[in-house]
N, C-alpha and C. Protein backbone atom coordinates (compact mmCIF):
# COMPACT_ATOMS: atom_id res chain seq x y z
N MET A 1 153.45 -125.07 38.88
CA MET A 1 152.90 -126.39 39.07
C MET A 1 151.55 -126.26 39.78
N ALA A 2 150.53 -126.86 39.23
CA ALA A 2 149.18 -126.79 39.80
C ALA A 2 149.13 -127.61 41.09
N PRO A 3 148.25 -127.20 42.05
CA PRO A 3 148.15 -127.94 43.30
C PRO A 3 147.84 -129.43 43.09
N SER A 4 147.00 -129.75 42.11
CA SER A 4 146.67 -131.16 41.89
C SER A 4 147.90 -131.94 41.45
N GLU A 5 148.79 -131.31 40.70
CA GLU A 5 150.02 -131.97 40.29
C GLU A 5 150.90 -132.26 41.50
N VAL A 6 150.98 -131.33 42.41
CA VAL A 6 151.79 -131.50 43.60
C VAL A 6 151.25 -132.66 44.43
N GLU A 7 149.95 -132.72 44.60
CA GLU A 7 149.34 -133.77 45.41
C GLU A 7 149.54 -135.15 44.76
N LEU A 8 149.43 -135.24 43.45
CA LEU A 8 149.67 -136.51 42.77
C LEU A 8 151.15 -136.90 42.83
N ILE A 9 152.04 -135.93 42.78
CA ILE A 9 153.46 -136.21 42.90
C ILE A 9 153.76 -136.76 44.30
N LEU A 10 153.17 -136.16 45.31
CA LEU A 10 153.37 -136.65 46.68
C LEU A 10 152.79 -138.06 46.85
N ALA A 11 151.63 -138.32 46.26
CA ALA A 11 151.04 -139.66 46.32
C ALA A 11 151.95 -140.67 45.62
N ARG A 12 152.54 -140.25 44.51
CA ARG A 12 153.46 -141.14 43.78
C ARG A 12 154.68 -141.44 44.64
N GLN A 13 155.22 -140.43 45.32
CA GLN A 13 156.38 -140.67 46.18
C GLN A 13 156.05 -141.65 47.30
N LEU A 14 154.86 -141.51 47.87
CA LEU A 14 154.43 -142.45 48.91
C LEU A 14 154.33 -143.85 48.32
N ALA A 15 153.65 -144.00 47.20
CA ALA A 15 153.48 -145.31 46.56
C ALA A 15 154.83 -145.95 46.25
N ASP A 16 155.77 -145.15 45.79
CA ASP A 16 157.08 -145.65 45.40
C ASP A 16 157.84 -146.23 46.60
N GLY A 17 157.56 -145.73 47.78
CA GLY A 17 158.26 -146.19 48.98
C GLY A 17 157.59 -147.35 49.70
N LEU A 18 156.43 -147.79 49.23
CA LEU A 18 155.72 -148.87 49.91
C LEU A 18 156.10 -150.24 49.37
N ALA A 19 155.98 -151.25 50.22
CA ALA A 19 156.29 -152.64 49.84
C ALA A 19 155.08 -153.36 49.29
N VAL A 20 153.91 -152.74 49.35
CA VAL A 20 152.70 -153.35 48.80
C VAL A 20 152.44 -152.78 47.41
N PRO A 21 151.83 -153.57 46.52
CA PRO A 21 151.54 -153.07 45.18
C PRO A 21 150.54 -151.91 45.22
N VAL A 22 150.86 -150.84 44.53
CA VAL A 22 150.01 -149.65 44.48
C VAL A 22 149.90 -149.15 43.04
N LEU A 23 148.68 -148.80 42.66
CA LEU A 23 148.38 -148.17 41.38
C LEU A 23 147.84 -146.78 41.71
N LEU A 24 148.33 -145.77 41.02
CA LEU A 24 147.86 -144.41 41.20
C LEU A 24 147.20 -143.96 39.91
N VAL A 25 145.94 -143.52 40.00
CA VAL A 25 145.22 -143.04 38.81
C VAL A 25 144.81 -141.59 39.02
N ASP A 26 144.68 -140.87 37.91
CA ASP A 26 144.24 -139.47 37.98
C ASP A 26 142.71 -139.43 38.00
N GLY A 27 142.16 -138.24 38.00
CA GLY A 27 140.71 -138.05 38.10
C GLY A 27 139.91 -138.63 36.95
N ARG A 28 140.55 -138.92 35.84
CA ARG A 28 139.89 -139.56 34.70
C ARG A 28 139.98 -141.08 34.77
N GLY A 29 140.88 -141.57 35.64
CA GLY A 29 141.10 -143.01 35.74
C GLY A 29 142.32 -143.48 35.00
N ASP A 30 143.06 -142.55 34.38
CA ASP A 30 144.27 -142.92 33.65
C ASP A 30 145.38 -143.29 34.65
N THR A 31 146.18 -144.27 34.29
CA THR A 31 147.30 -144.69 35.14
C THR A 31 148.34 -143.59 35.15
N VAL A 32 148.68 -143.14 36.35
CA VAL A 32 149.73 -142.14 36.53
C VAL A 32 151.02 -142.84 36.95
N PHE A 33 150.87 -143.92 37.74
CA PHE A 33 152.04 -144.62 38.26
C PHE A 33 151.61 -145.94 38.87
N PHE A 34 152.48 -146.94 38.79
CA PHE A 34 152.37 -148.10 39.66
C PHE A 34 153.78 -148.45 40.14
N ASN A 35 153.86 -148.89 41.39
CA ASN A 35 155.16 -149.09 42.01
C ASN A 35 155.76 -150.45 41.64
N GLU A 36 156.99 -150.68 42.09
CA GLU A 36 157.70 -151.91 41.73
C GLU A 36 156.96 -153.17 42.18
N PRO A 37 156.42 -153.24 43.40
CA PRO A 37 155.67 -154.45 43.76
C PRO A 37 154.46 -154.69 42.85
N ALA A 38 153.85 -153.65 42.32
CA ALA A 38 152.71 -153.81 41.40
C ALA A 38 153.16 -154.30 40.04
N GLU A 39 154.42 -154.10 39.70
CA GLU A 39 154.93 -154.56 38.40
C GLU A 39 154.77 -156.07 38.25
N VAL A 40 154.88 -156.80 39.36
CA VAL A 40 154.71 -158.25 39.33
C VAL A 40 153.27 -158.59 38.93
N LEU A 41 152.30 -157.88 39.49
CA LEU A 41 150.89 -158.13 39.17
C LEU A 41 150.54 -157.69 37.75
N PHE A 42 151.10 -156.57 37.33
CA PHE A 42 150.79 -156.05 36.00
C PHE A 42 151.60 -156.75 34.90
N GLY A 43 152.64 -157.49 35.29
CA GLY A 43 153.41 -158.23 34.32
C GLY A 43 154.29 -157.38 33.44
N ARG A 44 154.59 -156.19 33.88
CA ARG A 44 155.43 -155.27 33.10
C ARG A 44 155.94 -154.18 34.04
N ARG A 45 157.12 -153.68 33.75
CA ARG A 45 157.68 -152.57 34.53
C ARG A 45 156.96 -151.27 34.15
N PHE A 46 156.83 -150.37 35.12
CA PHE A 46 156.15 -149.10 34.85
C PHE A 46 156.87 -148.30 33.77
N ASP A 47 158.20 -148.30 33.80
CA ASP A 47 158.94 -147.51 32.80
C ASP A 47 158.78 -148.07 31.39
N GLU A 48 158.28 -149.30 31.25
CA GLU A 48 157.98 -149.86 29.94
C GLU A 48 156.58 -149.47 29.47
N VAL A 49 155.74 -149.09 30.42
CA VAL A 49 154.35 -148.75 30.11
C VAL A 49 154.13 -147.25 30.18
N ASP A 50 154.69 -146.61 31.21
CA ASP A 50 154.52 -145.20 31.51
C ASP A 50 153.04 -144.90 31.73
N ALA A 51 152.58 -143.72 31.38
CA ALA A 51 151.18 -143.36 31.57
C ALA A 51 150.33 -144.24 30.66
N LEU A 52 149.24 -144.75 31.20
CA LEU A 52 148.38 -145.66 30.45
C LEU A 52 146.95 -145.16 30.56
N PRO A 53 146.34 -144.77 29.44
CA PRO A 53 144.95 -144.29 29.50
C PRO A 53 144.03 -145.36 30.09
N PHE A 54 143.00 -144.90 30.77
CA PHE A 54 142.04 -145.78 31.43
C PHE A 54 141.51 -146.87 30.50
N GLU A 55 141.07 -146.48 29.31
CA GLU A 55 140.48 -147.44 28.38
C GLU A 55 141.48 -148.52 27.98
N ALA A 56 142.71 -148.12 27.74
CA ALA A 56 143.74 -149.09 27.35
C ALA A 56 144.05 -150.04 28.51
N ARG A 57 144.14 -149.50 29.73
CA ARG A 57 144.44 -150.35 30.88
C ARG A 57 143.34 -151.37 31.11
N THR A 58 142.10 -150.95 31.07
CA THR A 58 141.00 -151.89 31.32
C THR A 58 140.88 -152.91 30.19
N ALA A 59 141.17 -152.51 28.96
CA ALA A 59 141.14 -153.46 27.84
C ALA A 59 142.25 -154.50 27.98
N LEU A 60 143.44 -154.06 28.36
CA LEU A 60 144.57 -154.97 28.49
C LEU A 60 144.43 -155.91 29.69
N LEU A 61 144.02 -155.36 30.84
CA LEU A 61 143.95 -156.16 32.06
C LEU A 61 142.67 -157.00 32.13
N ALA A 62 141.63 -156.59 31.41
CA ALA A 62 140.36 -157.31 31.35
C ALA A 62 139.89 -157.79 32.72
N PRO A 63 139.66 -156.87 33.67
CA PRO A 63 139.25 -157.30 35.01
C PRO A 63 137.91 -158.02 35.00
N ARG A 64 137.88 -159.18 35.69
CA ARG A 64 136.69 -160.03 35.72
C ARG A 64 136.49 -160.60 37.11
N TYR A 65 135.24 -160.88 37.43
CA TYR A 65 134.94 -161.60 38.66
C TYR A 65 135.36 -163.06 38.49
N ALA A 66 135.39 -163.81 39.57
CA ALA A 66 135.80 -165.22 39.52
C ALA A 66 134.92 -166.04 38.58
N ASP A 67 133.65 -165.64 38.43
CA ASP A 67 132.74 -166.38 37.53
C ASP A 67 132.94 -166.03 36.06
N GLY A 68 133.87 -165.10 35.77
CA GLY A 68 134.17 -164.73 34.39
C GLY A 68 133.44 -163.49 33.90
N SER A 69 132.49 -162.99 34.67
CA SER A 69 131.77 -161.79 34.23
C SER A 69 132.66 -160.56 34.41
N PRO A 70 132.66 -159.66 33.42
CA PRO A 70 133.55 -158.49 33.49
C PRO A 70 133.09 -157.49 34.53
N LEU A 71 134.06 -156.81 35.14
CA LEU A 71 133.74 -155.67 36.00
C LEU A 71 133.37 -154.52 35.09
N THR A 72 132.29 -153.85 35.37
CA THR A 72 131.94 -152.65 34.61
C THR A 72 132.82 -151.50 35.09
N ILE A 73 132.83 -150.45 34.34
CA ILE A 73 133.59 -149.26 34.74
C ILE A 73 133.17 -148.79 36.12
N GLU A 74 131.89 -148.84 36.40
CA GLU A 74 131.36 -148.38 37.69
C GLU A 74 131.80 -149.27 38.84
N GLN A 75 132.15 -150.54 38.56
CA GLN A 75 132.52 -151.48 39.61
C GLN A 75 134.02 -151.47 39.91
N LEU A 76 134.83 -150.89 39.06
CA LEU A 76 136.26 -150.83 39.31
C LEU A 76 136.51 -150.01 40.57
N PRO A 77 137.35 -150.50 41.48
CA PRO A 77 137.48 -149.83 42.78
C PRO A 77 137.95 -148.38 42.69
N GLY A 78 138.88 -148.06 41.80
CA GLY A 78 139.34 -146.68 41.69
C GLY A 78 138.23 -145.74 41.22
N MET A 79 137.46 -146.19 40.25
CA MET A 79 136.37 -145.36 39.74
C MET A 79 135.27 -145.20 40.79
N ARG A 80 134.98 -146.31 41.50
CA ARG A 80 133.96 -146.24 42.57
C ARG A 80 134.40 -145.30 43.68
N ALA A 81 135.66 -145.40 44.08
CA ALA A 81 136.17 -144.55 45.16
C ALA A 81 136.06 -143.08 44.79
N MET A 82 136.39 -142.76 43.54
CA MET A 82 136.30 -141.35 43.11
C MET A 82 134.86 -140.90 43.02
N ARG A 83 134.00 -141.75 42.48
CA ARG A 83 132.58 -141.37 42.32
C ARG A 83 131.89 -141.23 43.67
N GLU A 84 132.12 -142.18 44.58
CA GLU A 84 131.43 -142.19 45.87
C GLU A 84 132.17 -141.39 46.94
N ARG A 85 133.41 -140.99 46.63
CA ARG A 85 134.24 -140.22 47.55
C ARG A 85 134.42 -140.94 48.89
N ARG A 86 134.66 -142.25 48.77
CA ARG A 86 134.95 -143.08 49.94
C ARG A 86 135.72 -144.31 49.46
N PRO A 87 136.41 -145.02 50.36
CA PRO A 87 137.14 -146.21 49.95
C PRO A 87 136.22 -147.25 49.32
N ALA A 88 136.78 -148.00 48.39
CA ALA A 88 136.03 -149.07 47.71
C ALA A 88 136.94 -150.28 47.61
N HIS A 89 136.35 -151.47 47.76
CA HIS A 89 137.12 -152.71 47.73
C HIS A 89 136.43 -153.72 46.84
N VAL A 90 137.22 -154.50 46.09
CA VAL A 90 136.65 -155.57 45.27
C VAL A 90 137.72 -156.65 45.03
N ALA A 91 137.26 -157.89 44.97
CA ALA A 91 138.12 -159.02 44.60
C ALA A 91 137.77 -159.39 43.17
N PHE A 92 138.80 -159.62 42.34
CA PHE A 92 138.56 -159.93 40.94
C PHE A 92 139.79 -160.63 40.36
N HIS A 93 139.73 -160.97 39.10
CA HIS A 93 140.86 -161.53 38.36
C HIS A 93 141.23 -160.54 37.26
N MET A 94 142.54 -160.46 36.98
CA MET A 94 142.98 -159.60 35.88
C MET A 94 144.10 -160.29 35.14
N HIS A 95 144.19 -160.00 33.86
CA HIS A 95 145.29 -160.48 33.04
C HIS A 95 146.42 -159.48 33.15
N GLY A 96 147.60 -159.95 33.54
CA GLY A 96 148.76 -159.09 33.52
C GLY A 96 149.14 -158.81 32.07
N LEU A 97 149.97 -157.83 31.87
CA LEU A 97 150.42 -157.52 30.51
C LEU A 97 151.32 -158.62 29.97
N ASP A 98 151.67 -159.58 30.84
CA ASP A 98 152.42 -160.76 30.42
C ASP A 98 151.49 -161.92 30.06
N GLY A 99 150.16 -161.68 30.11
CA GLY A 99 149.18 -162.69 29.74
C GLY A 99 148.74 -163.61 30.86
N VAL A 100 149.32 -163.48 32.05
CA VAL A 100 148.98 -164.34 33.17
C VAL A 100 147.73 -163.81 33.89
N LEU A 101 146.76 -164.70 34.11
CA LEU A 101 145.55 -164.35 34.84
C LEU A 101 145.85 -164.45 36.33
N ARG A 102 145.58 -163.37 37.07
CA ARG A 102 145.89 -163.32 38.50
C ARG A 102 144.66 -162.93 39.32
N PRO A 103 144.40 -163.68 40.41
CA PRO A 103 143.35 -163.25 41.33
C PRO A 103 143.91 -162.16 42.24
N VAL A 104 143.22 -161.04 42.35
CA VAL A 104 143.68 -159.92 43.17
C VAL A 104 142.51 -159.34 43.96
N GLU A 105 142.88 -158.60 44.98
CA GLU A 105 141.92 -157.75 45.68
C GLU A 105 142.47 -156.35 45.59
N ALA A 106 141.59 -155.38 45.51
CA ALA A 106 142.02 -153.98 45.41
C ALA A 106 141.17 -153.12 46.32
N THR A 107 141.83 -152.25 47.04
CA THR A 107 141.15 -151.25 47.86
C THR A 107 141.61 -149.88 47.37
N ALA A 108 140.66 -149.07 46.96
CA ALA A 108 140.97 -147.75 46.41
C ALA A 108 140.51 -146.68 47.39
N ILE A 109 141.35 -145.66 47.52
CA ILE A 109 141.05 -144.52 48.37
C ILE A 109 141.03 -143.29 47.47
N PRO A 110 139.94 -142.52 47.52
CA PRO A 110 139.92 -141.32 46.67
C PRO A 110 140.94 -140.29 47.14
N LEU A 111 141.56 -139.62 46.20
CA LEU A 111 142.47 -138.52 46.52
C LEU A 111 141.75 -137.22 46.22
N GLU A 112 141.59 -136.40 47.25
CA GLU A 112 140.89 -135.12 47.10
C GLU A 112 141.82 -133.99 47.49
N SER A 113 141.64 -132.86 46.83
CA SER A 113 142.41 -131.68 47.18
C SER A 113 141.84 -131.07 48.45
N ALA A 114 142.56 -130.14 49.02
CA ALA A 114 142.08 -129.44 50.21
C ALA A 114 140.78 -128.70 49.93
N ARG A 115 140.54 -128.38 48.67
CA ARG A 115 139.30 -127.68 48.28
C ARG A 115 138.18 -128.64 47.91
N GLY A 116 138.43 -129.95 48.05
CA GLY A 116 137.38 -130.93 47.80
C GLY A 116 137.25 -131.44 46.38
N HIS A 117 138.23 -131.16 45.53
CA HIS A 117 138.21 -131.66 44.15
C HIS A 117 138.80 -133.07 44.12
N VAL A 118 138.15 -133.97 43.43
CA VAL A 118 138.68 -135.33 43.28
C VAL A 118 139.84 -135.27 42.28
N LEU A 119 141.01 -135.73 42.73
CA LEU A 119 142.21 -135.69 41.91
C LEU A 119 142.56 -137.04 41.31
N GLY A 120 142.06 -138.10 41.94
CA GLY A 120 142.38 -139.44 41.48
C GLY A 120 142.11 -140.45 42.58
N ALA A 121 142.79 -141.59 42.49
CA ALA A 121 142.63 -142.64 43.49
C ALA A 121 143.95 -143.35 43.72
N PHE A 122 144.15 -143.77 44.93
CA PHE A 122 145.31 -144.52 45.38
C PHE A 122 144.81 -145.94 45.58
N VAL A 123 145.23 -146.87 44.72
CA VAL A 123 144.68 -148.23 44.72
C VAL A 123 145.74 -149.20 45.24
N VAL A 124 145.46 -149.82 46.39
CA VAL A 124 146.35 -150.82 46.96
C VAL A 124 145.86 -152.18 46.49
N LEU A 125 146.77 -152.97 45.93
CA LEU A 125 146.44 -154.29 45.37
C LEU A 125 147.06 -155.39 46.23
N TRP A 126 146.41 -156.53 46.22
CA TRP A 126 146.92 -157.68 46.95
C TRP A 126 146.64 -158.92 46.13
N ALA A 127 147.69 -159.66 45.78
CA ALA A 127 147.51 -160.91 45.05
C ALA A 127 146.93 -161.93 46.01
N GLN A 128 145.81 -162.54 45.64
CA GLN A 128 145.15 -163.47 46.54
C GLN A 128 146.02 -164.66 46.87
N GLU A 129 146.82 -165.14 45.92
CA GLU A 129 147.70 -166.26 46.22
C GLU A 129 148.77 -165.87 47.23
N ALA A 130 149.18 -164.60 47.23
CA ALA A 130 150.15 -164.14 48.22
C ALA A 130 149.53 -164.16 49.61
N ALA A 131 148.27 -163.81 49.71
CA ALA A 131 147.59 -163.83 51.00
C ALA A 131 147.50 -165.26 51.52
N ALA A 132 147.32 -166.23 50.64
CA ALA A 132 147.20 -167.62 51.06
C ALA A 132 148.53 -168.17 51.57
N ARG A 133 149.66 -167.58 51.14
CA ARG A 133 150.98 -168.07 51.55
C ARG A 133 151.42 -167.51 52.90
N VAL A 134 150.77 -166.47 53.39
CA VAL A 134 151.16 -165.87 54.66
C VAL A 134 150.69 -166.74 55.81
N PRO A 135 151.59 -167.27 56.63
CA PRO A 135 151.15 -168.12 57.74
C PRO A 135 150.33 -167.32 58.75
N PRO A 136 149.34 -167.94 59.37
CA PRO A 136 148.52 -167.25 60.37
C PRO A 136 149.42 -166.67 61.46
N GLY A 137 149.14 -165.46 61.88
CA GLY A 137 149.90 -164.80 62.92
C GLY A 137 151.18 -164.15 62.45
N ALA A 138 151.53 -164.32 61.17
CA ALA A 138 152.77 -163.75 60.65
C ALA A 138 152.59 -162.32 60.18
N ALA A 139 151.37 -161.89 59.99
CA ALA A 139 151.12 -160.55 59.47
C ALA A 139 151.23 -159.52 60.55
């Protein structure tokens, strides 16, 4: 097993245990995993989708700013985090695989090997309507 595979497996285990929606992408931007809380945002269970190539995911989810303009590949938080090798954050709307348009925020953290190779990104998602339902001081 290659070191990068081990690191992505460990990232997947972490994502699987979290209560917040998480998307894990590889160094190309292909979907490696999304956890159960993210299934609500994506409108489909991960085991129904499995690995999803970057191009297919972006075509299906059609990420857009609130004004309707599409996010370019360079503006997607996971791609930005990997390219800039630092966390990236963006608020946007996406269509779930169930056809529902959802406002979300995403913060991506680049995943790097101990030798400095970019392996992918760990993307934490937050549904904006969920944030609006949290009473002040409850977080």
